[in-house]
Amino acid sequence: MNILKTRLMATFAAAALIVAAAAPRACALQIKRMELSNGAVLLISEQHQLPMLTMAIAFDAGSRRDPADKGGLATLTAAALMQGTKDLSASDFNREVDFMGSSINIAASRDFTIASVTTLKKYQSQSIHLLAQLLQEPGLRAADFKRKQAEQIADIKASEEEPGYAADVAFVHAIFGDRPYGHMPEGSTASVARLTPADVSDFYKNYYKLGSAVIAVAGDVDANQIKAELESEFTGLKGRVPAQPAPAPIEIPPGIHAQLIDRNVAQANLMLGSGGVARSNPDYYKLQVMNYILGGGGFASRLMKVVRSQHGLAYSIGSAFAAHKYQGAFLVVLQTKNSSANEALKLVLAQMREIQENPVSDAEMASAKKYLVGSFPLKLDRQSSIVGFMLDTEIYNLGLDYADRYPKLIDAVTKDDVRKVAREYLHPDALDLVAVANQAEAKIDVAKLQPPAQSAAAK
């Protein structure tokens, strides 16, 4: 559940493993785009190597749709929907799915809720029928609601014991405030405890609408046949979800704005950052190259080389632009000894200023492009990856030829582009900082982290 940190650390690990071996490869992917009569967009990639298929439906029902005082509602609704249909209890439903060796799941993220099925070709019709019944005729029984609500609260309580999770929660709220991304998708113990069966029922009725959905299918299918099958199975969930107003831009005043959370821990968990970009931002690809060099490239990144390798202050450190449907965040995440927190933070800020002020090297550019282009085919290495990729192409309007265009978009980035976006999107003099640490040992001195002009004024 430590979403920001988990995703970021997975990126660092992948970069460390792939950077040395990555090499450009062809990324051709044939995608057929259709529309169902209910308004859903259908994307199909016929993959006949194995007798199986994966299908996913992206509903405009992510946690950004949670009402202000009801964080965790999207997550709880997805969990409640998984508890069987009107005719099948949760155990009976799971028994039928397990008998076929299939997998059916519904899970909410910040932007969307994804309902998915993976099955052998011979069980295609039965598995799709079960998913359709789960979505269109859910049980939504009171007893199931209470059980899933209790489980969600218990999971949150367990996560709250983790310093990294506490940092996530505080950082998300500091950056986004009352905006749609200003809470964890699972909510808080208090917000989830307030939810009722009526809340779940209303959220389901309001946001599970196929007219606003994107369906992606990859596997051993015939495009026309699967379209006809989906037309037959998904006759409900009609209508569209009204567009959500875009939140106001994130504006952090000058200075380092710190939340110091005291925990009896051996290592300080530090997160610092500012407003980032939406996935649709035209500078997205320039930012990918710049951030790889700064902190996203694992052992090839400057933050890893300077903070870990040269100064020995962190085992893991990195940066990322978490781009969503709306403006996301730029963040740096690291763990260091309590006693070295101040020094590590100063080094991070220094590296942010360095990449703004001086051109990156030819070697750094070559390394970043080699990784970003060479690792791209790994996003298409299995059916589930292809399905997720296809959803992204439609949701973010990337185009059906995006797999072929991506290498060119990265290769077109110049050193001047890197410096320009670093200056525009990095804000070392206006940041939110969250430090979960033994504060008596860490003794984080915010004044000494402030920009030079502000530090002088403070004296």
Protein backbone atom coordinates (compact mmCIF):
# COMPACT_ATOMS: atom_id res chain seq x y z
CA MET A 1 0.00 0.00 0.00
CA ASN A 2 3.05 2.26 0.16
CA ILE A 3 2.23 3.28 -3.41
CA LEU A 4 4.56 6.16 -4.20
CA LYS A 5 7.59 4.57 -2.60
CA THR A 6 6.95 1.08 -4.01
CA ARG A 7 6.53 2.33 -7.55
CA LEU A 8 9.59 4.54 -7.35
CA MET A 9 11.84 1.86 -5.89
CA ALA A 10 10.68 -0.65 -8.52
CA THR A 11 11.72 1.84 -11.18
CA PHE A 12 15.18 2.23 -9.65
CA ALA A 13 15.67 -1.54 -9.45
CA ALA A 14 14.62 -2.05 -13.07
CA ALA A 15 16.94 0.69 -14.24
CA ALA A 16 19.87 -0.79 -12.34
CA LEU A 17 19.30 -4.19 -13.93
CA ILE A 18 18.65 -3.10 -17.49
CA VAL A 19 20.80 -0.06 -18.14
CA ALA A 20 23.94 -2.00 -19.02
CA ALA A 21 22.22 -4.35 -21.44
CA ALA A 22 19.47 -2.23 -22.95
CA ALA A 23 19.52 -1.92 -26.71
CA PRO A 24 16.95 -0.59 -29.19
CA ARG A 25 14.54 -3.16 -30.53
CA ALA A 26 11.50 -3.06 -32.77
CA CYS A 27 8.28 -2.32 -30.90
CA ALA A 28 5.69 -2.93 -33.60
CA LEU A 29 2.29 -3.67 -32.10
CA GLN A 30 -0.85 -4.10 -34.16
CA ILE A 31 -3.90 -2.62 -32.43
CA LYS A 32 -7.44 -2.52 -33.76
CA ARG A 33 -9.72 0.21 -32.39
CA MET A 34 -13.50 -0.21 -32.36
CA GLU A 35 -16.46 1.18 -30.43
CA LEU A 36 -19.27 -0.80 -28.82
CA SER A 37 -22.88 0.29 -29.08
CA ASN A 38 -22.81 1.28 -25.39
CA GLY A 39 -20.07 3.83 -26.15
CA ALA A 40 -17.09 1.92 -24.78
CA VAL A 41 -13.87 2.10 -26.79
CA LEU A 42 -12.53 -1.36 -27.61
CA LEU A 43 -8.86 -1.98 -28.37
CA ILE A 44 -7.72 -5.41 -29.57
CA SER A 45 -4.30 -6.90 -30.15
CA GLU A 46 -4.48 -10.38 -31.62
CA GLN A 47 -1.70 -12.50 -30.10
CA HIS A 48 -2.04 -16.10 -31.26
CA GLN A 49 1.16 -17.55 -29.78
CA LEU A 50 -0.65 -18.95 -26.71
CA PRO A 51 -4.24 -20.20 -26.31
CA MET A 52 -5.21 -17.58 -23.75
CA LEU A 53 -6.37 -13.97 -23.47
CA THR A 54 -6.36 -11.03 -21.08
CA MET A 55 -9.02 -8.34 -21.00
CA ALA A 56 -9.21 -5.20 -18.89
CA ILE A 57 -11.86 -2.51 -18.57
CA ALA A 58 -10.83 0.94 -17.32
CA PHE A 59 -13.73 2.72 -15.61
CA ASP A 60 -13.60 6.42 -14.75
CA ALA A 61 -13.96 5.39 -11.12
CA GLY A 62 -10.59 6.00 -9.49
CA SER A 63 -9.97 7.45 -6.05
CA ARG A 64 -9.85 10.97 -7.51
CA ARG A 65 -13.65 10.56 -7.63
CA ASP A 66 -13.88 10.00 -3.86
CA PRO A 67 -15.99 12.68 -2.14
CA ALA A 68 -13.93 15.04 0.02
CA ASP A 69 -14.81 13.34 3.31
CA LYS A 70 -14.99 9.78 1.97
CA GLY A 71 -11.44 8.81 1.02
CA GLY A 72 -11.14 5.11 0.23
CA LEU A 73 -14.61 4.81 -1.30
CA ALA A 74 -13.39 3.83 -4.77
CA THR A 75 -11.14 1.18 -3.24
CA LEU A 76 -13.88 -0.20 -1.01
CA THR A 77 -16.38 -0.24 -3.89
CA ALA A 78 -13.99 -2.30 -6.01
CA ALA A 79 -13.46 -4.73 -3.12
CA ALA A 80 -17.20 -5.00 -2.51
CA LEU A 81 -17.86 -5.75 -6.17
CA MET A 82 -15.51 -8.71 -5.94
CA GLN A 83 -17.81 -10.41 -3.41
CA GLY A 84 -19.93 -12.29 -5.90
CA THR A 85 -23.08 -11.65 -7.92
CA LYS A 86 -26.76 -11.60 -7.02
CA ASP A 87 -26.88 -15.32 -7.79
CA LEU A 88 -23.41 -16.37 -6.61
CA SER A 89 -21.85 -15.80 -3.21
CA ALA A 90 -18.20 -14.79 -3.07
CA SER A 91 -17.12 -18.37 -2.34
CA ASP A 92 -19.30 -19.82 -5.13
CA PHE A 93 -18.02 -17.20 -7.58
CA ASN A 94 -14.39 -17.88 -6.68
CA ARG A 95 -14.98 -21.61 -6.97
CA GLU A 96 -16.17 -21.25 -10.57
CA VAL A 97 -13.23 -19.00 -11.46
CA ASP A 98 -10.72 -21.35 -9.84
CA PHE A 99 -12.19 -24.37 -11.62
CA MET A 100 -11.26 -22.79 -14.95
CA GLY A 101 -7.87 -21.64 -13.74
CA SER A 102 -8.90 -18.11 -14.66
CA SER A 103 -8.22 -14.86 -12.83
CA ILE A 104 -10.78 -12.08 -12.31
CA ASN A 105 -10.06 -8.91 -10.41
CA ILE A 106 -11.38 -5.40 -9.79
CA ALA A 107 -9.04 -2.82 -8.28
CA ALA A 108 -9.06 0.96 -7.93
CA SER A 109 -6.11 3.28 -8.51
CA ARG A 110 -5.88 7.06 -8.35
CA ASP A 111 -7.30 7.66 -11.82
CA PHE A 112 -9.26 4.57 -12.81
CA THR A 113 -10.73 1.32 -11.57
CA ILE A 114 -9.60 -1.66 -13.64
CA ALA A 115 -11.74 -4.78 -13.99
CA SER A 116 -9.75 -7.59 -15.57
CA VAL A 117 -9.88 -11.22 -16.58
CA THR A 118 -7.18 -13.64 -17.72
CA THR A 119 -8.25 -17.03 -18.98
CA LEU A 120 -7.46 -19.91 -21.26
CA LYS A 121 -9.01 -19.66 -24.70
CA LYS A 122 -11.34 -22.61 -24.07
CA TYR A 123 -12.88 -20.81 -21.09
CA GLN A 124 -13.14 -17.43 -22.80
CA SER A 125 -16.92 -17.25 -22.92
CA GLN A 126 -17.48 -18.51 -19.38
CA SER A 127 -14.88 -16.19 -17.89
CA ILE A 128 -16.10 -13.08 -19.70
CA HIS A 129 -19.66 -13.96 -18.67
CA LEU A 130 -18.62 -14.17 -15.02
CA LEU A 131 -16.88 -10.78 -15.18
CA ALA A 132 -19.92 -9.27 -16.89
CA GLN A 133 -22.22 -10.62 -14.19
CA LEU A 134 -19.91 -9.41 -11.45
CA LEU A 135 -19.99 -5.90 -12.88
CA GLN A 136 -23.64 -5.73 -13.95
CA GLU A 137 -25.34 -7.82 -11.27
CA PRO A 138 -23.14 -7.47 -8.18
CA GLY A 139 -24.27 -8.91 -4.87
CA LEU A 140 -23.29 -5.90 -2.72
CA ARG A 141 -24.48 -7.67 0.41
CA ALA A 142 -24.34 -5.84 3.74
CA ALA A 143 -22.34 -8.61 5.41
CA ASP A 144 -19.73 -8.55 2.63
CA PHE A 145 -19.51 -4.76 2.90
CA LYS A 146 -18.81 -4.89 6.62
CA ARG A 147 -16.12 -7.54 6.16
CA LYS A 148 -14.32 -5.67 3.38
CA GLN A 149 -14.58 -2.39 5.28
CA ALA A 150 -13.00 -4.00 8.35
CA GLU A 151 -10.24 -5.52 6.19
CA GLN A 152 -9.47 -2.17 4.57
CA ILE A 153 -9.24 -0.44 7.94
CA ALA A 154 -7.00 -3.22 9.28
CA ASP A 155 -4.71 -2.93 6.23
CA ILE A 156 -4.40 0.83 6.73
CA LYS A 157 -3.60 0.41 10.42
CA ALA A 158 -0.89 -2.11 9.57
CA SER A 159 0.57 0.21 6.94
CA GLU A 160 0.61 3.12 9.36
CA GLU A 161 3.25 1.26 11.36
CA GLU A 162 5.64 1.62 8.42
CA PRO A 163 7.67 4.86 8.37
CA GLY A 164 7.61 4.97 4.59
CA TYR A 165 3.84 4.83 4.50
CA ALA A 166 3.55 7.63 7.04
CA ALA A 167 5.81 9.69 4.79
CA ASP A 168 3.63 8.87 1.75
CA VAL A 169 0.45 10.01 3.47
CA ALA A 170 1.94 13.28 4.69
CA PHE A 171 3.66 14.03 1.37
CA VAL A 172 0.54 13.41 -0.72
CA HIS A 173 -1.51 15.73 1.46
CA ALA A 174 1.22 18.37 1.53
CA ILE A 175 1.53 18.48 -2.26
CA PHE A 176 -2.10 18.09 -3.29
CA GLY A 177 -4.02 19.43 -0.29
CA ASP A 178 -7.76 19.17 -0.94
CA ARG A 179 -7.32 18.30 -4.62
CA PRO A 180 -8.54 14.92 -5.92
CA TYR A 181 -5.09 13.31 -5.44
CA GLY A 182 -4.74 14.64 -1.89
CA HIS A 183 -5.41 11.33 -0.13
CA MET A 184 -4.20 7.77 -0.42
CA PRO A 185 -6.47 5.62 -2.65
CA GLU A 186 -7.27 3.36 0.31
CA GLY A 187 -8.28 6.34 2.44
CA SER A 188 -7.66 6.69 6.16
CA THR A 189 -9.03 4.65 9.04
CA ALA A 190 -11.40 7.50 9.89
CA SER A 191 -12.67 8.08 6.34
CA VAL A 192 -13.23 4.38 5.64
CA ALA A 193 -15.04 3.93 8.97
CA ARG A 194 -17.53 6.61 7.86
CA LEU A 195 -18.47 4.77 4.67
CA THR A 196 -21.82 3.00 4.37
CA PRO A 197 -23.31 0.40 2.01
CA ALA A 198 -25.30 3.25 0.44
CA ASP A 199 -22.05 5.09 -0.32
CA VAL A 200 -20.72 2.05 -2.16
CA SER A 201 -23.97 1.53 -4.03
CA ASP A 202 -24.10 5.17 -5.10
CA PHE A 203 -20.45 5.21 -6.20
CA TYR A 204 -21.05 2.07 -8.26
CA LYS A 205 -24.13 3.54 -9.94
CA ASN A 206 -22.48 6.88 -10.64
CA TYR A 207 -19.09 5.81 -11.99
CA TYR A 208 -19.30 2.29 -13.39
CA LYS A 209 -20.55 3.36 -16.81
CA LEU A 210 -19.33 1.78 -20.01
CA GLY A 211 -19.92 4.90 -22.10
CA SER A 212 -16.83 6.38 -20.44
CA ALA A 213 -14.86 3.13 -20.31
CA VAL A 214 -11.98 1.74 -22.34
CA ILE A 215 -11.75 -2.01 -22.93
CA ALA A 216 -8.50 -3.65 -24.03
CA VAL A 217 -8.11 -7.27 -25.12
CA ALA A 218 -4.88 -9.09 -25.97
CA GLY A 219 -4.55 -12.74 -26.83
CA ASP A 220 -5.80 -15.58 -28.98
CA VAL A 221 -8.94 -13.83 -30.20
CA ASP A 222 -10.61 -12.74 -33.40
CA ALA A 223 -11.41 -9.02 -33.29
CA ASN A 224 -14.89 -9.24 -34.78
CA GLN A 225 -15.82 -12.26 -32.69
CA ILE A 226 -14.72 -10.74 -29.37
CA LYS A 227 -16.52 -7.49 -30.22
CA ALA A 228 -19.75 -9.39 -30.84
CA GLU A 229 -19.32 -11.32 -27.59
CA LEU A 230 -18.82 -8.14 -25.57
CA GLU A 231 -21.84 -6.54 -27.22
CA SER A 232 -23.89 -9.52 -26.10
CA GLU A 233 -22.54 -9.73 -22.55
CA PHE A 234 -22.32 -6.05 -21.59
CA THR A 235 -25.84 -4.78 -22.09
CA GLY A 236 -25.95 -2.85 -18.80
CA LEU A 237 -23.86 -0.10 -17.20
CA LYS A 238 -25.08 2.35 -19.81
CA GLY A 239 -24.36 6.05 -19.86
CA ARG A 240 -21.33 8.26 -19.39
CA VAL A 241 -19.58 9.72 -16.36
CA PRO A 242 -19.57 13.55 -16.33
CA ALA A 243 -16.14 15.07 -16.83
CA GLN A 244 -14.31 16.01 -13.66
CA PRO A 245 -13.09 19.62 -13.48
CA ALA A 246 -9.30 19.85 -13.60
CA PRO A 247 -7.89 20.86 -10.21
CA ALA A 248 -6.08 24.15 -9.73
CA PRO A 249 -2.33 24.10 -10.48
CA ILE A 250 -0.08 23.25 -7.55
CA GLU A 251 1.76 26.29 -6.26
CA ILE A 252 4.30 25.95 -3.45
CA PRO A 253 5.55 29.22 -1.94
CA PRO A 254 9.32 29.85 -1.84
CA GLY A 255 11.18 27.98 0.86
CA ILE A 256 11.42 24.45 2.25
CA HIS A 257 8.15 23.56 3.96
CA ALA A 258 8.86 20.68 6.32
CA GLN A 259 6.71 18.19 8.21
CA LEU A 260 8.86 16.48 10.81
CA ILE A 261 7.23 13.28 12.03
CA ASP A 262 8.87 11.73 15.07
CA ARG A 263 9.34 7.94 15.02
CA ASN A 264 11.74 5.72 16.91
CA VAL A 265 13.49 4.48 13.75
CA ALA A 266 17.10 3.82 12.85
CA GLN A 267 16.81 5.42 9.41
CA ALA A 268 15.11 8.63 8.39
CA ASN A 269 12.54 8.25 5.60
CA LEU A 270 12.67 11.41 3.52
CA MET A 271 10.39 12.60 0.73
CA LEU A 272 10.67 15.99 -0.90
CA GLY A 273 9.16 17.43 -4.01
CA SER A 274 6.76 19.80 -5.68
CA GLY A 275 4.06 19.89 -8.31
CA GLY A 276 4.80 17.84 -11.41
CA VAL A 277 3.02 17.33 -14.71
CA ALA A 278 0.02 15.57 -16.18
CA ARG A 279 0.71 12.62 -18.49
CA SER A 280 -0.52 14.73 -21.40
CA ASN A 281 2.16 17.39 -20.89
CA PRO A 282 4.13 17.79 -24.16
CA ASP A 283 7.38 18.00 -22.15
CA TYR A 284 6.80 14.50 -20.72
CA TYR A 285 9.52 12.85 -22.83
CA LYS A 286 12.08 15.56 -22.13
CA LEU A 287 11.33 15.10 -18.44
CA GLN A 288 11.87 11.36 -18.74
CA VAL A 289 15.38 11.92 -20.04
CA MET A 290 16.18 14.66 -17.52
CA ASN A 291 14.86 12.67 -14.57
CA TYR A 292 16.72 9.53 -15.61
CA ILE A 293 19.95 11.50 -15.38
CA LEU A 294 18.99 13.18 -12.12
CA GLY A 295 17.54 10.34 -10.08
CA GLY A 296 15.48 7.90 -12.10
CA GLY A 297 18.30 5.89 -13.62
CA GLY A 298 19.25 3.68 -10.71
CA PHE A 299 23.04 3.41 -10.38
CA ALA A 300 23.44 5.57 -13.49
CA SER A 301 21.73 8.56 -11.88
CA ARG A 302 23.47 11.50 -10.26
CA LEU A 303 21.60 11.17 -6.99
CA MET A 304 22.70 7.56 -6.62
CA LYS A 305 26.28 8.31 -7.59
CA VAL A 306 26.63 11.34 -5.33
CA VAL A 307 24.51 10.53 -2.28
CA ARG A 308 25.14 6.80 -2.13
CA SER A 309 28.37 6.00 -3.95
CA GLN A 310 30.46 9.08 -3.21
CA HIS A 311 29.18 9.99 0.26
CA GLY A 312 27.73 6.69 1.47
CA LEU A 313 24.62 8.36 2.89
CA ALA A 314 21.81 6.27 1.39
CA TYR A 315 21.22 2.68 0.35
CA SER A 316 18.45 3.67 -2.05
CA ILE A 317 17.59 7.06 -3.49
CA GLY A 318 15.83 8.29 -6.60
CA SER A 319 13.46 10.74 -8.17
CA ALA A 320 10.36 10.52 -10.35
CA PHE A 321 7.65 12.51 -12.05
CA ALA A 322 4.43 10.72 -11.08
CA ALA A 323 2.31 11.79 -14.06
CA HIS A 324 -1.44 11.16 -13.88
CA LYS A 325 -4.54 12.29 -15.73
CA TYR A 326 -4.15 15.58 -13.92
CA GLN A 327 -1.01 17.24 -12.58
CA GLY A 328 1.01 14.84 -10.49
CA ALA A 329 4.06 15.37 -8.32
CA PHE A 330 7.80 15.46 -8.68
CA LEU A 331 9.38 13.61 -5.77
CA VAL A 332 12.69 12.44 -4.40
CA VAL A 333 12.65 9.49 -2.00
CA LEU A 334 15.54 8.30 0.14
CA GLN A 335 16.39 6.61 3.39
CA THR A 336 19.45 7.59 5.37
CA LYS A 337 20.77 7.45 8.92
CA ASN A 338 19.04 9.92 11.19
CA SER A 339 22.33 11.67 11.82
CA SER A 340 23.01 12.20 8.12
CA ALA A 341 19.58 13.51 7.11
CA ASN A 342 20.68 17.15 6.83
CA GLU A 343 23.75 16.33 4.76
CA ALA A 344 21.80 14.04 2.42
CA LEU A 345 19.12 16.67 1.85
CA LYS A 346 21.72 19.31 1.05
CA LEU A 347 23.27 17.01 -1.55
CA VAL A 348 19.87 16.36 -3.17
CA LEU A 349 19.15 20.07 -3.45
CA ALA A 350 22.63 20.70 -4.82
CA GLN A 351 22.09 18.12 -7.57
CA MET A 352 18.76 19.66 -8.52
CA ARG A 353 20.45 23.04 -8.91
CA GLU A 354 23.41 21.53 -10.77
CA ILE A 355 21.24 20.01 -13.52
CA GLN A 356 19.47 23.35 -13.89
CA GLU A 357 22.64 25.38 -14.20
CA ASN A 358 25.01 23.25 -16.30
CA PRO A 359 24.55 21.08 -19.38
CA VAL A 360 24.51 17.32 -18.89
CA SER A 361 27.23 15.29 -20.61
CA ASP A 362 27.01 13.45 -23.91
CA ALA A 363 27.59 10.21 -22.03
CA GLU A 364 24.67 10.87 -19.70
CA MET A 365 22.38 11.62 -22.63
CA ALA A 366 23.44 8.46 -24.43
CA SER A 367 22.93 6.33 -21.32
CA ALA A 368 19.47 7.78 -20.65
CA LYS A 369 18.26 7.29 -24.21
CA LYS A 370 19.71 3.79 -24.41
CA TYR A 371 17.81 2.73 -21.32
CA LEU A 372 14.53 4.49 -22.06
CA VAL A 373 14.38 3.17 -25.62
CA GLY A 374 15.92 -0.22 -24.93
CA SER A 375 13.69 -1.04 -21.97
CA PHE A 376 10.49 0.05 -23.71
CA PRO A 377 9.77 -3.38 -25.27
CA LEU A 378 9.60 -4.82 -21.75
CA LYS A 379 6.27 -2.98 -21.47
CA LEU A 380 4.99 -5.31 -24.18
CA ASP A 381 6.47 -8.60 -23.02
CA ARG A 382 3.24 -10.30 -21.92
CA GLN A 383 -0.50 -10.03 -22.44
CA SER A 384 -1.18 -8.08 -19.25
CA SER A 385 1.52 -5.57 -20.20
CA ILE A 386 0.06 -5.15 -23.68
CA VAL A 387 -3.40 -4.62 -22.24
CA GLY A 388 -2.15 -1.95 -19.85
CA PHE A 389 -0.23 -0.29 -22.67
CA MET A 390 -3.30 -0.20 -24.89
CA LEU A 391 -5.38 1.37 -22.12
CA ASP A 392 -2.75 4.09 -21.75
CA THR A 393 -2.71 4.82 -25.48
CA GLU A 394 -6.44 5.54 -25.42
CA ILE A 395 -6.75 7.21 -22.03
CA TYR A 396 -3.88 9.61 -22.71
CA ASN A 397 -4.55 9.99 -26.44
CA LEU A 398 -1.13 8.67 -27.42
CA GLY A 399 -2.19 7.16 -30.74
CA LEU A 400 -2.27 3.58 -31.97
CA ASP A 401 1.24 3.95 -33.42
CA TYR A 402 2.71 5.08 -30.09
CA ALA A 403 4.90 1.97 -29.75
CA ASP A 404 6.62 2.88 -33.00
CA ARG A 405 6.86 6.63 -32.26
CA TYR A 406 8.19 6.37 -28.69
CA PRO A 407 11.88 5.77 -29.63
CA LYS A 408 11.79 8.82 -31.91
CA LEU A 409 10.25 10.98 -29.17
CA ILE A 410 13.07 10.05 -26.79
CA ASP A 411 15.81 10.30 -29.40
CA ALA A 412 14.69 13.83 -30.32
CA VAL A 413 15.45 15.17 -26.82
CA THR A 414 18.53 17.42 -26.70
CA LYS A 415 20.84 18.59 -23.93
CA ASP A 416 19.26 22.03 -24.21
CA ASP A 417 15.83 20.40 -23.70
CA VAL A 418 17.08 18.72 -20.53
CA ARG A 419 18.38 21.95 -19.09
CA LYS A 420 15.22 23.83 -20.07
CA VAL A 421 12.81 21.39 -18.41
CA ALA A 422 15.04 21.14 -15.34
CA ARG A 423 14.76 24.88 -14.94
CA GLU A 424 11.01 24.89 -15.51
CA TYR A 425 9.89 21.86 -13.53
CA LEU A 426 12.43 21.46 -10.72
CA HIS A 427 11.98 23.81 -7.79
CA PRO A 428 14.81 23.30 -5.28
CA ASP A 429 13.92 26.63 -3.68
CA ALA A 430 10.21 25.82 -3.22
CA LEU A 431 9.61 22.32 -1.92
CA ASP A 432 7.54 20.29 0.48
CA LEU A 433 9.63 18.03 2.71
CA VAL A 434 8.41 15.15 4.84
CA ALA A 435 10.85 13.54 7.25
CA VAL A 436 9.80 10.52 9.29
CA ALA A 437 12.73 10.10 11.64
CA ASN A 438 14.01 10.03 15.17
CA GLN A 439 13.92 13.78 15.27
CA ALA A 440 16.18 14.07 18.32
CA GLU A 441 18.92 12.34 16.33
CA ALA A 442 18.14 13.77 12.91
CA LYS A 443 18.00 17.40 14.09
CA ILE A 444 16.81 18.51 10.67
CA ASP A 445 17.67 22.17 10.29
CA VAL A 446 15.20 23.58 7.80
CA ALA A 447 16.81 27.04 7.92
CA LYS A 448 20.05 25.64 6.51
CA LEU A 449 18.16 23.97 3.67
CA GLN A 450 16.54 27.21 2.51
CA PRO A 451 17.71 28.98 -0.64
CA PRO A 452 20.86 31.08 -0.06
CA ALA A 453 19.00 34.41 -0.20
CA GLN A 454 16.37 33.26 2.30
CA SER A 455 18.99 31.78 4.61
CA ALA A 456 20.87 35.09 4.66
CA ALA A 457 17.67 36.99 5.36
CA ALA A 458 16.83 34.63 8.24
CA LYS A 459 20.17 35.49 9.88
